[in-house]
Amino acid sequence: MRVVGVFGPTASGKSDVAAAVAELIPAEVVSADAMQVYKGLPILTNRSSHAERLVGIWPLSYTASVGEYASVAHAAIDEILETRTTPLVVGGTGLYFRAALAELELPPAPPPGARQRWSRLYDDLGAEAAHARLAERDPSAATRVHPNDRRRVVRALELAEAGTSLVPPQEQLFAGAWRHPTLVVGLEVPKPVLEQRIEERTRRMFEAGVEGEVRLALESDLSPTASKVIGLQEVATLPREAAIEALIVRTRRYAAYQRKWMRRLEGVVMVAADRPPEETAAEIVALARTRERVSRR
């Protein structure tokens, strides 16, 4: 059977649906989640209780990149295909999802010392002047990055110096050939249902001990990418009820972004996920089998 990609917003039930698919066909799940690649925050990142590849593969001190993730994801998918098992790529991080399934033209490594040089320029000249320099070198990136976002302004200047852009071609993100024949499924959950799931899941995280998990994680040297895990700062700095409310709001906003991203994926087939995961999984398997029969004619 072909590769199956399952994309959906947070709390849409991706992991349970994937596990149900694996009960119906020989399949192995490959996670495409930028935060679940880290060890140490299983509660905060909503790590699945089901077996998934590429979960917890790097320490919190590690600076992850989509390029490195793509390399290990491609190797995992190819290895699964060699066993005549279906790779089931499951995620909610759009760029990681595409990177796992396609050959993206990723930005090159910056020239030696570029990050330090542009960081000094940002600090010496100030946010507005550094952003103006970016506007001269890469106007499209400048329109997408706020002057006060130091990390992204510096990164955009690095990439401009290397002859590329922080803003990749849009067709690369949402369209283009997959590495293997692939069925891409989007999990559709009505907004009110999704928002209720997000609230319930957030409260379960606190009951499960997410505050202690975060305290322990902050004792380590977090990389810039690990420090961006949604909820990390809220849980660490706010009283419990305030942290819960702030995390619910932030997660709902992220889910809205994911829903928009999902609908732009070329060839995505939307499947209802506001029902038992076994029913959603059965529809996905039926779609995959139908596509497989058609492709062989």
C-alpha atoms as a PDB file:
ATOM      1  CA  MET A   1       0.000   0.000   0.000  1.00  0.00           C
ATOM      2  CA  ARG A   2       1.121   3.574  -0.668  1.00  0.00           C
ATOM      3  CA  VAL A   3       2.358   6.020   1.953  1.00  0.00           C
ATOM      4  CA  VAL A   4      -0.463   7.586   3.948  1.00  0.00           C
ATOM      5  CA  GLY A   5      -0.134  11.064   5.431  1.00  0.00           C
ATOM      6  CA  VAL A   6      -2.581  12.164   8.123  1.00  0.00           C
ATOM      7  CA  PHE A   7      -2.609  15.863   8.973  1.00  0.00           C
ATOM      8  CA  GLY A   8      -4.861  17.609  11.437  1.00  0.00           C
ATOM      9  CA  PRO A   9      -4.992  20.370  13.999  1.00  0.00           C
ATOM     10  CA  THR A  10      -3.996  19.727  17.573  1.00  0.00           C
ATOM     11  CA  ALA A  11      -6.640  17.718  19.488  1.00  0.00           C
ATOM     12  CA  SER A  12      -8.159  16.361  16.269  1.00  0.00           C
ATOM     13  CA  GLY A  13      -7.296  12.822  17.385  1.00  0.00           C
ATOM     14  CA  LYS A  14      -4.448  12.119  14.947  1.00  0.00           C
ATOM     15  CA  SER A  15      -2.628   9.634  17.172  1.00  0.00           C
ATOM     16  CA  ASP A  16      -5.707   7.587  18.017  1.00  0.00           C
ATOM     17  CA  VAL A  17      -6.764   7.516  14.365  1.00  0.00           C
ATOM     18  CA  ALA A  18      -3.276   6.411  13.332  1.00  0.00           C
ATOM     19  CA  ALA A  19      -3.275   3.636  15.923  1.00  0.00           C
ATOM     20  CA  ALA A  20      -6.673   2.491  14.661  1.00  0.00           C
ATOM     21  CA  VAL A  21      -5.376   2.439  11.067  1.00  0.00           C
ATOM     22  CA  ALA A  22      -2.465   0.274  12.217  1.00  0.00           C
ATOM     23  CA  GLU A  23      -4.995  -2.178  13.639  1.00  0.00           C
ATOM     24  CA  LEU A  24      -6.583  -2.553  10.201  1.00  0.00           C
ATOM     25  CA  ILE A  25      -3.506  -2.808   7.975  1.00  0.00           C
ATOM     26  CA  PRO A  26       0.210  -3.468   8.452  1.00  0.00           C
ATOM     27  CA  ALA A  27       1.340   0.108   9.142  1.00  0.00           C
ATOM     28  CA  GLU A  28       3.982   1.915  11.143  1.00  0.00           C
ATOM     29  CA  VAL A  29       3.537   5.492  12.364  1.00  0.00           C
ATOM     30  CA  VAL A  30       6.119   8.213  11.693  1.00  0.00           C
ATOM     31  CA  SER A  31       5.574  11.380  13.725  1.00  0.00           C
ATOM     32  CA  ALA A  32       5.824  14.740  11.957  1.00  0.00           C
ATOM     33  CA  ASP A  33       5.719  17.006  15.000  1.00  0.00           C
ATOM     34  CA  ALA A  34       8.387  19.643  15.602  1.00  0.00           C
ATOM     35  CA  MET A  35       8.020  19.509  19.382  1.00  0.00           C
ATOM     36  CA  GLN A  36       7.562  15.785  19.933  1.00  0.00           C
ATOM     37  CA  VAL A  37      11.041  15.166  18.556  1.00  0.00           C
ATOM     38  CA  TYR A  38      12.257  16.254  22.006  1.00  0.00           C
ATOM     39  CA  LYS A  39      12.688  14.140  25.113  1.00  0.00           C
ATOM     40  CA  GLY A  40      11.610  15.473  28.471  1.00  0.00           C
ATOM     41  CA  LEU A  41       8.192  17.027  27.758  1.00  0.00           C
ATOM     42  CA  PRO A  42       5.830  14.141  26.963  1.00  0.00           C
ATOM     43  CA  ILE A  43       2.866  15.690  28.792  1.00  0.00           C
ATOM     44  CA  LEU A  44       3.243  19.213  27.449  1.00  0.00           C
ATOM     45  CA  THR A  45       3.754  18.017  23.864  1.00  0.00           C
ATOM     46  CA  ASN A  46       0.873  15.504  24.125  1.00  0.00           C
ATOM     47  CA  ARG A  47       3.012  12.545  23.219  1.00  0.00           C
ATOM     48  CA  SER A  48       0.984   9.547  22.088  1.00  0.00           C
ATOM     49  CA  SER A  49       0.804   6.389  24.168  1.00  0.00           C
ATOM     50  CA  HIS A  50       1.000   4.465  20.895  1.00  0.00           C
ATOM     51  CA  ALA A  51       4.274   3.493  19.233  1.00  0.00           C
ATOM     52  CA  GLU A  52       5.545   6.170  16.835  1.00  0.00           C
ATOM     53  CA  ARG A  53       8.894   6.743  15.171  1.00  0.00           C
ATOM     54  CA  LEU A  54      10.810  10.035  15.518  1.00  0.00           C
ATOM     55  CA  VAL A  55       9.360  10.860  18.928  1.00  0.00           C
ATOM     56  CA  GLY A  56      11.779  11.820  21.705  1.00  0.00           C
ATOM     57  CA  ILE A  57      14.838  11.440  19.491  1.00  0.00           C
ATOM     58  CA  TRP A  58      16.703  14.570  20.653  1.00  0.00           C
ATOM     59  CA  PRO A  59      17.452  16.108  24.072  1.00  0.00           C
ATOM     60  CA  LEU A  60      16.006  19.492  24.970  1.00  0.00           C
ATOM     61  CA  SER A  61      19.448  21.030  24.532  1.00  0.00           C
ATOM     62  CA  TYR A  62      19.519  20.044  20.854  1.00  0.00           C
ATOM     63  CA  THR A  63      18.778  22.653  18.180  1.00  0.00           C
ATOM     64  CA  ALA A  64      16.521  20.803  15.792  1.00  0.00           C
ATOM     65  CA  SER A  65      16.139  21.768  12.146  1.00  0.00           C
ATOM     66  CA  VAL A  66      13.670  20.790   9.469  1.00  0.00           C
ATOM     67  CA  GLY A  67      16.569  19.710   7.263  1.00  0.00           C
ATOM     68  CA  GLU A  68      17.856  17.185   9.775  1.00  0.00           C
ATOM     69  CA  TYR A  69      14.345  16.007  10.510  1.00  0.00           C
ATOM     70  CA  ALA A  70      13.699  15.478   6.786  1.00  0.00           C
ATOM     71  CA  SER A  71      16.766  13.274   6.523  1.00  0.00           C
ATOM     72  CA  VAL A  72      15.763  10.959   9.373  1.00  0.00           C
ATOM     73  CA  ALA A  73      12.108  10.934   8.260  1.00  0.00           C
ATOM     74  CA  HIS A  74      13.023   9.900   4.713  1.00  0.00           C
ATOM     75  CA  ALA A  75      15.221   7.115   6.067  1.00  0.00           C
ATOM     76  CA  ALA A  76      12.438   5.869   8.353  1.00  0.00           C
ATOM     77  CA  ILE A  77       9.815   5.899   5.592  1.00  0.00           C
ATOM     78  CA  ASP A  78      12.083   4.085   3.134  1.00  0.00           C
ATOM     79  CA  GLU A  79      12.963   1.482   5.756  1.00  0.00           C
ATOM     80  CA  ILE A  80       9.287   0.821   6.482  1.00  0.00           C
ATOM     81  CA  LEU A  81       8.491   0.480   2.771  1.00  0.00           C
ATOM     82  CA  GLU A  82      11.221  -2.152   2.428  1.00  0.00           C
ATOM     83  CA  THR A  83       9.279  -4.349   4.869  1.00  0.00           C
ATOM     84  CA  ARG A  84       6.143  -4.043   2.690  1.00  0.00           C
ATOM     85  CA  THR A  85       4.465  -2.114   5.505  1.00  0.00           C
ATOM     86  CA  THR A  86       2.589   1.158   5.054  1.00  0.00           C
ATOM     87  CA  PRO A  87       4.368   4.238   6.421  1.00  0.00           C
ATOM     88  CA  LEU A  88       1.748   6.342   8.189  1.00  0.00           C
ATOM     89  CA  VAL A  89       3.094   9.889   8.507  1.00  0.00           C
ATOM     90  CA  VAL A  90       1.116  11.736  11.166  1.00  0.00           C
ATOM     91  CA  GLY A  91       1.549  15.324  12.201  1.00  0.00           C
ATOM     92  CA  GLY A  92       0.354  18.782  12.862  1.00  0.00           C
ATOM     93  CA  THR A  93       3.544  20.693  12.100  1.00  0.00           C
ATOM     94  CA  GLY A  94       3.001  21.676   8.480  1.00  0.00           C
ATOM     95  CA  LEU A  95       6.609  22.117   7.405  1.00  0.00           C
ATOM     96  CA  TYR A  96       7.699  18.869   9.072  1.00  0.00           C
ATOM     97  CA  PHE A  97       4.785  17.038   7.437  1.00  0.00           C
ATOM     98  CA  ARG A  98       5.762  18.258   3.976  1.00  0.00           C
ATOM     99  CA  ALA A  99       9.451  17.657   4.666  1.00  0.00           C
ATOM    100  CA  ALA A 100       8.760  14.036   5.608  1.00  0.00           C
ATOM    101  CA  LEU A 101       6.786  13.337   2.448  1.00  0.00           C
ATOM    102  CA  ALA A 102       8.511  15.461  -0.192  1.00  0.00           C
ATOM    103  CA  GLU A 103      11.948  16.654  -1.274  1.00  0.00           C
ATOM    104  CA  LEU A 104      11.944  20.276  -0.187  1.00  0.00           C
ATOM    105  CA  GLU A 105      14.584  22.757  -1.240  1.00  0.00           C
ATOM    106  CA  LEU A 106      15.731  23.708   2.235  1.00  0.00           C
ATOM    107  CA  PRO A 107      17.887  26.757   3.040  1.00  0.00           C
ATOM    108  CA  PRO A 108      21.644  26.157   3.003  1.00  0.00           C
ATOM    109  CA  ALA A 109      23.778  26.469   6.099  1.00  0.00           C
ATOM    110  CA  PRO A 110      24.705  30.112   6.769  1.00  0.00           C
ATOM    111  CA  PRO A 111      28.285  31.299   6.088  1.00  0.00           C
ATOM    112  CA  PRO A 112      30.649  30.797   9.047  1.00  0.00           C
ATOM    113  CA  GLY A 113      30.171  33.473  11.676  1.00  0.00           C
ATOM    114  CA  ALA A 114      27.116  34.943   9.965  1.00  0.00           C
ATOM    115  CA  ARG A 115      24.792  34.475  12.915  1.00  0.00           C
ATOM    116  CA  GLN A 116      27.146  36.192  15.331  1.00  0.00           C
ATOM    117  CA  ARG A 117      27.769  39.037  12.878  1.00  0.00           C
ATOM    118  CA  TRP A 118      24.091  39.716  12.195  1.00  0.00           C
ATOM    119  CA  SER A 119      23.245  39.349  15.879  1.00  0.00           C
ATOM    120  CA  ARG A 120      25.789  42.043  16.724  1.00  0.00           C
ATOM    121  CA  LEU A 121      24.373  44.273  14.001  1.00  0.00           C
ATOM    122  CA  TYR A 122      20.863  43.849  15.398  1.00  0.00           C
ATOM    123  CA  ASP A 123      22.044  44.690  18.910  1.00  0.00           C
ATOM    124  CA  ASP A 124      24.263  47.601  17.847  1.00  0.00           C
ATOM    125  CA  LEU A 125      21.901  49.305  15.386  1.00  0.00           C
ATOM    126  CA  GLY A 126      18.592  48.373  16.991  1.00  0.00           C
ATOM    127  CA  ALA A 127      15.529  46.515  15.776  1.00  0.00           C
ATOM    128  CA  GLU A 128      14.259  49.062  13.247  1.00  0.00           C
ATOM    129  CA  ALA A 129      17.624  49.602  11.560  1.00  0.00           C
ATOM    130  CA  ALA A 130      18.309  45.855  11.352  1.00  0.00           C
ATOM    131  CA  HIS A 131      14.863  45.304   9.883  1.00  0.00           C
ATOM    132  CA  ALA A 132      15.515  48.069   7.334  1.00  0.00           C
ATOM    133  CA  ARG A 133      18.707  46.265   6.326  1.00  0.00           C
ATOM    134  CA  LEU A 134      16.634  43.117   5.845  1.00  0.00           C
ATOM    135  CA  ALA A 135      14.130  45.046   3.710  1.00  0.00           C
ATOM    136  CA  GLU A 136      16.989  46.059   1.413  1.00  0.00           C
ATOM    137  CA  ARG A 137      18.258  42.495   1.051  1.00  0.00           C
ATOM    138  CA  ASP A 138      15.016  40.475   1.121  1.00  0.00           C
ATOM    139  CA  PRO A 139      11.824  42.573   0.914  1.00  0.00           C
ATOM    140  CA  SER A 140       9.520  39.533   0.975  1.00  0.00           C
ATOM    141  CA  ALA A 141      11.041  38.274   4.221  1.00  0.00           C
ATOM    142  CA  ALA A 142      10.882  41.756   5.758  1.00  0.00           C
ATOM    143  CA  THR A 143       7.130  41.874   5.205  1.00  0.00           C
ATOM    144  CA  ARG A 144       6.723  38.608   7.133  1.00  0.00           C
ATOM    145  CA  VAL A 145       8.991  39.348  10.119  1.00  0.00           C
ATOM    146  CA  HIS A 146       8.339  41.915  12.847  1.00  0.00           C
ATOM    147  CA  PRO A 147      11.349  44.158  13.663  1.00  0.00           C
ATOM    148  CA  ASN A 148      11.180  43.092  17.325  1.00  0.00           C
ATOM    149  CA  ASP A 149      11.470  39.392  16.454  1.00  0.00           C
ATOM    150  CA  ARG A 150      15.245  39.321  16.878  1.00  0.00           C
ATOM    151  CA  ARG A 151      15.700  35.619  16.156  1.00  0.00           C
ATOM    152  CA  ARG A 152      13.820  35.673  12.852  1.00  0.00           C
ATOM    153  CA  VAL A 153      15.317  38.972  11.668  1.00  0.00           C
ATOM    154  CA  VAL A 154      18.809  37.586  12.287  1.00  0.00           C
ATOM    155  CA  ARG A 155      17.916  34.293  10.576  1.00  0.00           C
ATOM    156  CA  ALA A 156      16.458  36.142   7.573  1.00  0.00           C
ATOM    157  CA  LEU A 157      19.630  38.218   7.225  1.00  0.00           C
ATOM    158  CA  GLU A 158      21.719  35.039   7.411  1.00  0.00           C
ATOM    159  CA  LEU A 159      19.728  33.439   4.626  1.00  0.00           C
ATOM    160  CA  ALA A 160      19.783  36.565   2.474  1.00  0.00           C
ATOM    161  CA  GLU A 161      23.568  36.589   2.733  1.00  0.00           C
ATOM    162  CA  ALA A 162      23.582  32.934   1.642  1.00  0.00           C
ATOM    163  CA  GLY A 163      21.506  33.837  -1.421  1.00  0.00           C
ATOM    164  CA  THR A 164      18.170  32.434  -0.315  1.00  0.00           C
ATOM    165  CA  SER A 165      15.144  33.578   1.673  1.00  0.00           C
ATOM    166  CA  LEU A 166      13.354  32.923   4.922  1.00  0.00           C
ATOM    167  CA  VAL A 167      10.146  32.828   2.857  1.00  0.00           C
ATOM    168  CA  PRO A 168      10.174  29.649   0.727  1.00  0.00           C
ATOM    169  CA  PRO A 169       8.208  29.446  -2.512  1.00  0.00           C
ATOM    170  CA  GLN A 170       4.576  28.848  -1.560  1.00  0.00           C
ATOM    171  CA  GLU A 171       4.148  26.005  -4.010  1.00  0.00           C
ATOM    172  CA  GLN A 172       6.881  24.099  -2.209  1.00  0.00           C
ATOM    173  CA  LEU A 173       4.968  24.231   1.074  1.00  0.00           C
ATOM    174  CA  PHE A 174       1.593  23.109  -0.203  1.00  0.00           C
ATOM    175  CA  ALA A 175       2.133  21.378  -3.548  1.00  0.00           C
ATOM    176  CA  GLY A 176       4.636  19.438  -5.572  1.00  0.00           C
ATOM    177  CA  ALA A 177       5.577  15.817  -6.051  1.00  0.00           C
ATOM    178  CA  TRP A 178       5.735  13.463  -3.087  1.00  0.00           C
ATOM    179  CA  ARG A 179       8.720  11.142  -2.767  1.00  0.00           C
ATOM    180  CA  HIS A 180       6.410   8.107  -3.007  1.00  0.00           C
ATOM    181  CA  PRO A 181       2.777   7.635  -4.078  1.00  0.00           C
ATOM    182  CA  THR A 182       0.958   9.209  -1.152  1.00  0.00           C
ATOM    183  CA  LEU A 183      -2.597   9.582   0.062  1.00  0.00           C
ATOM    184  CA  VAL A 184      -2.886  12.782   2.104  1.00  0.00           C
ATOM    185  CA  VAL A 185      -5.791  12.933   4.536  1.00  0.00           C
ATOM    186  CA  GLY A 186      -6.917  15.936   6.534  1.00  0.00           C
ATOM    187  CA  LEU A 187      -8.846  15.373   9.752  1.00  0.00           C
ATOM    188  CA  GLU A 188     -11.864  17.649   9.937  1.00  0.00           C
ATOM    189  CA  VAL A 189     -13.368  18.452  13.325  1.00  0.00           C
ATOM    190  CA  PRO A 190     -16.020  21.168  13.788  1.00  0.00           C
ATOM    191  CA  LYS A 191     -14.600  24.201  15.555  1.00  0.00           C
ATOM    192  CA  PRO A 192     -16.795  23.969  18.691  1.00  0.00           C
ATOM    193  CA  VAL A 193     -15.877  20.293  19.142  1.00  0.00           C
ATOM    194  CA  LEU A 194     -12.176  21.003  18.627  1.00  0.00           C
ATOM    195  CA  GLU A 195     -12.198  23.880  21.094  1.00  0.00           C
ATOM    196  CA  GLN A 196     -13.892  21.722  23.718  1.00  0.00           C
ATOM    197  CA  ARG A 197     -11.327  18.964  23.164  1.00  0.00           C
ATOM    198  CA  ILE A 198      -8.494  21.472  23.576  1.00  0.00           C
ATOM    199  CA  GLU A 199      -9.876  22.692  26.897  1.00  0.00           C
ATOM    200  CA  GLU A 200     -10.417  19.185  28.239  1.00  0.00           C
ATOM    201  CA  ARG A 201      -6.969  18.043  27.143  1.00  0.00           C
ATOM    202  CA  THR A 202      -5.289  21.090  28.668  1.00  0.00           C
ATOM    203  CA  ARG A 203      -6.910  20.448  32.043  1.00  0.00           C
ATOM    204  CA  ARG A 204      -5.854  16.774  31.875  1.00  0.00           C
ATOM    205  CA  MET A 205      -2.257  17.881  31.293  1.00  0.00           C
ATOM    206  CA  PHE A 206      -2.246  19.722  34.623  1.00  0.00           C
ATOM    207  CA  GLU A 207      -3.858  16.778  36.383  1.00  0.00           C
ATOM    208  CA  ALA A 208      -1.107  14.583  34.907  1.00  0.00           C
ATOM    209  CA  GLY A 209       1.679  16.728  36.379  1.00  0.00           C
ATOM    210  CA  VAL A 210       2.763  19.046  33.569  1.00  0.00           C
ATOM    211  CA  GLU A 211       3.952  21.691  36.062  1.00  0.00           C
ATOM    212  CA  GLY A 212       6.566  19.366  37.540  1.00  0.00           C
ATOM    213  CA  GLU A 213       7.605  18.246  34.069  1.00  0.00           C
ATOM    214  CA  VAL A 214       8.193  21.843  33.005  1.00  0.00           C
ATOM    215  CA  ARG A 215      10.156  22.695  36.171  1.00  0.00           C
ATOM    216  CA  LEU A 216      12.457  19.760  35.547  1.00  0.00           C
ATOM    217  CA  ALA A 217      12.864  20.658  31.868  1.00  0.00           C
ATOM    218  CA  LEU A 218      13.839  24.239  32.710  1.00  0.00           C
ATOM    219  CA  GLU A 219      16.701  22.953  34.845  1.00  0.00           C
ATOM    220  CA  SER A 220      18.388  21.824  31.633  1.00  0.00           C
ATOM    221  CA  ASP A 221      19.919  23.984  28.914  1.00  0.00           C
ATOM    222  CA  LEU A 222      17.048  24.400  26.476  1.00  0.00           C
ATOM    223  CA  SER A 223      17.875  25.023  22.829  1.00  0.00           C
ATOM    224  CA  PRO A 224      16.199  27.927  20.992  1.00  0.00           C
ATOM    225  CA  THR A 225      13.882  25.488  19.226  1.00  0.00           C
ATOM    226  CA  ALA A 226      12.935  23.512  22.345  1.00  0.00           C
ATOM    227  CA  SER A 227      12.185  26.719  24.223  1.00  0.00           C
ATOM    228  CA  LYS A 228       9.399  27.414  21.689  1.00  0.00           C
ATOM    229  CA  VAL A 229       7.234  24.476  22.828  1.00  0.00           C
ATOM    230  CA  ILE A 230       3.708  25.817  23.213  1.00  0.00           C
ATOM    231  CA  GLY A 231       2.834  26.317  26.856  1.00  0.00           C
ATOM    232  CA  LEU A 232       6.345  26.155  28.272  1.00  0.00           C
ATOM    233  CA  GLN A 233       6.474  29.769  29.402  1.00  0.00           C
ATOM    234  CA  GLU A 234       2.833  29.875  30.494  1.00  0.00           C
ATOM    235  CA  VAL A 235       3.184  26.822  32.726  1.00  0.00           C
ATOM    236  CA  ALA A 236       6.502  28.055  34.113  1.00  0.00           C
ATOM    237  CA  THR A 237       5.481  31.608  34.973  1.00  0.00           C
ATOM    238  CA  LEU A 238       1.724  31.773  35.659  1.00  0.00           C
ATOM    239  CA  PRO A 239      -0.482  30.525  38.507  1.00  0.00           C
ATOM    240  CA  ARG A 240      -2.245  27.309  37.596  1.00  0.00           C
ATOM    241  CA  GLU A 241      -5.644  28.667  36.527  1.00  0.00           C
ATOM    242  CA  ALA A 242      -4.080  31.554  34.623  1.00  0.00           C
ATOM    243  CA  ALA A 243      -1.692  29.131  32.914  1.00  0.00           C
ATOM    244  CA  ILE A 244      -4.575  26.838  31.950  1.00  0.00           C
ATOM    245  CA  GLU A 245      -6.571  29.685  30.421  1.00  0.00           C
ATOM    246  CA  ALA A 246      -3.550  31.120  28.613  1.00  0.00           C
ATOM    247  CA  LEU A 247      -2.609  27.718  27.211  1.00  0.00           C
ATOM    248  CA  ILE A 248      -6.167  27.054  26.036  1.00  0.00           C
ATOM    249  CA  VAL A 249      -6.227  30.381  24.179  1.00  0.00           C
ATOM    250  CA  ARG A 250      -2.818  29.853  22.609  1.00  0.00           C
ATOM    251  CA  THR A 251      -3.583  26.275  21.565  1.00  0.00           C
ATOM    252  CA  ARG A 252      -6.872  27.284  19.962  1.00  0.00           C
ATOM    253  CA  ARG A 253      -5.056  29.933  17.935  1.00  0.00           C
ATOM    254  CA  TYR A 254      -2.510  27.371  16.822  1.00  0.00           C
ATOM    255  CA  ALA A 255      -5.286  24.956  15.847  1.00  0.00           C
ATOM    256  CA  ALA A 256      -6.890  27.665  13.699  1.00  0.00           C
ATOM    257  CA  TYR A 257      -3.565  28.173  11.924  1.00  0.00           C
ATOM    258  CA  GLN A 258      -3.207  24.419  11.376  1.00  0.00           C
ATOM    259  CA  ARG A 259      -6.730  24.179   9.904  1.00  0.00           C
ATOM    260  CA  LYS A 260      -5.911  26.900   7.375  1.00  0.00           C
ATOM    261  CA  TRP A 261      -2.610  25.211   6.510  1.00  0.00           C
ATOM    262  CA  MET A 262      -4.320  21.832   6.070  1.00  0.00           C
ATOM    263  CA  ARG A 263      -6.845  23.125   3.562  1.00  0.00           C
ATOM    264  CA  ARG A 264      -4.069  24.482   1.343  1.00  0.00           C
ATOM    265  CA  LEU A 265      -2.371  21.104   0.939  1.00  0.00           C
ATOM    266  CA  GLU A 266      -2.616  19.979  -2.659  1.00  0.00           C
ATOM    267  CA  GLY A 267      -4.756  16.869  -3.101  1.00  0.00           C
ATOM    268  CA  VAL A 268      -5.787  16.607   0.554  1.00  0.00           C
ATOM    269  CA  VAL A 269      -8.866  14.458   1.179  1.00  0.00           C
ATOM    270  CA  MET A 270     -10.887  15.679   4.137  1.00  0.00           C
ATOM    271  CA  VAL A 271     -12.229  13.018   6.503  1.00  0.00           C
ATOM    272  CA  ALA A 272     -14.513  13.611   9.473  1.00  0.00           C
ATOM    273  CA  ALA A 273     -12.811  13.019  12.830  1.00  0.00           C
ATOM    274  CA  ASP A 274     -15.605  14.005  15.232  1.00  0.00           C
ATOM    275  CA  ARG A 275     -16.504  10.339  15.690  1.00  0.00           C
ATOM    276  CA  PRO A 276     -14.818   7.234  17.115  1.00  0.00           C
ATOM    277  CA  PRO A 277     -11.266   6.933  15.733  1.00  0.00           C
ATOM    278  CA  GLU A 278     -12.016   3.442  14.463  1.00  0.00           C
ATOM    279  CA  GLU A 279     -14.628   4.844  12.074  1.00  0.00           C
ATOM    280  CA  THR A 280     -12.277   7.529  10.786  1.00  0.00           C
ATOM    281  CA  ALA A 281      -9.535   4.948  10.361  1.00  0.00           C
ATOM    282  CA  ALA A 282     -11.821   2.623   8.396  1.00  0.00           C
ATOM    283  CA  GLU A 283     -12.608   5.430   5.949  1.00  0.00           C
ATOM    284  CA  ILE A 284      -8.906   6.240   5.517  1.00  0.00           C
ATOM    285  CA  VAL A 285      -8.055   2.608   4.807  1.00  0.00           C
ATOM    286  CA  ALA A 286     -10.918   2.359   2.301  1.00  0.00           C
ATOM    287  CA  LEU A 287      -9.643   5.491   0.530  1.00  0.00           C
ATOM    288  CA  ALA A 288      -6.119   4.122   0.391  1.00  0.00           C
ATOM    289  CA  ARG A 289      -7.275   0.793  -1.015  1.00  0.00           C
ATOM    290  CA  THR A 290      -9.428   2.493  -3.643  1.00  0.00           C
ATOM    291  CA  ARG A 291      -6.544   4.690  -4.751  1.00  0.00           C
ATOM    292  CA  GLU A 292      -4.273   1.670  -4.861  1.00  0.00           C
ATOM    293  CA  ARG A 293      -6.655  -0.267  -7.133  1.00  0.00           C
ATOM    294  CA  VAL A 294      -7.109   2.715  -9.447  1.00  0.00           C
ATOM    295  CA  SER A 295      -3.355   3.308  -9.733  1.00  0.00           C
ATOM    296  CA  ARG A 296      -2.788  -0.302 -10.802  1.00  0.00           C
ATOM    297  CA  ARG A 297      -5.255  -0.209 -13.676  1.00  0.00           C
END
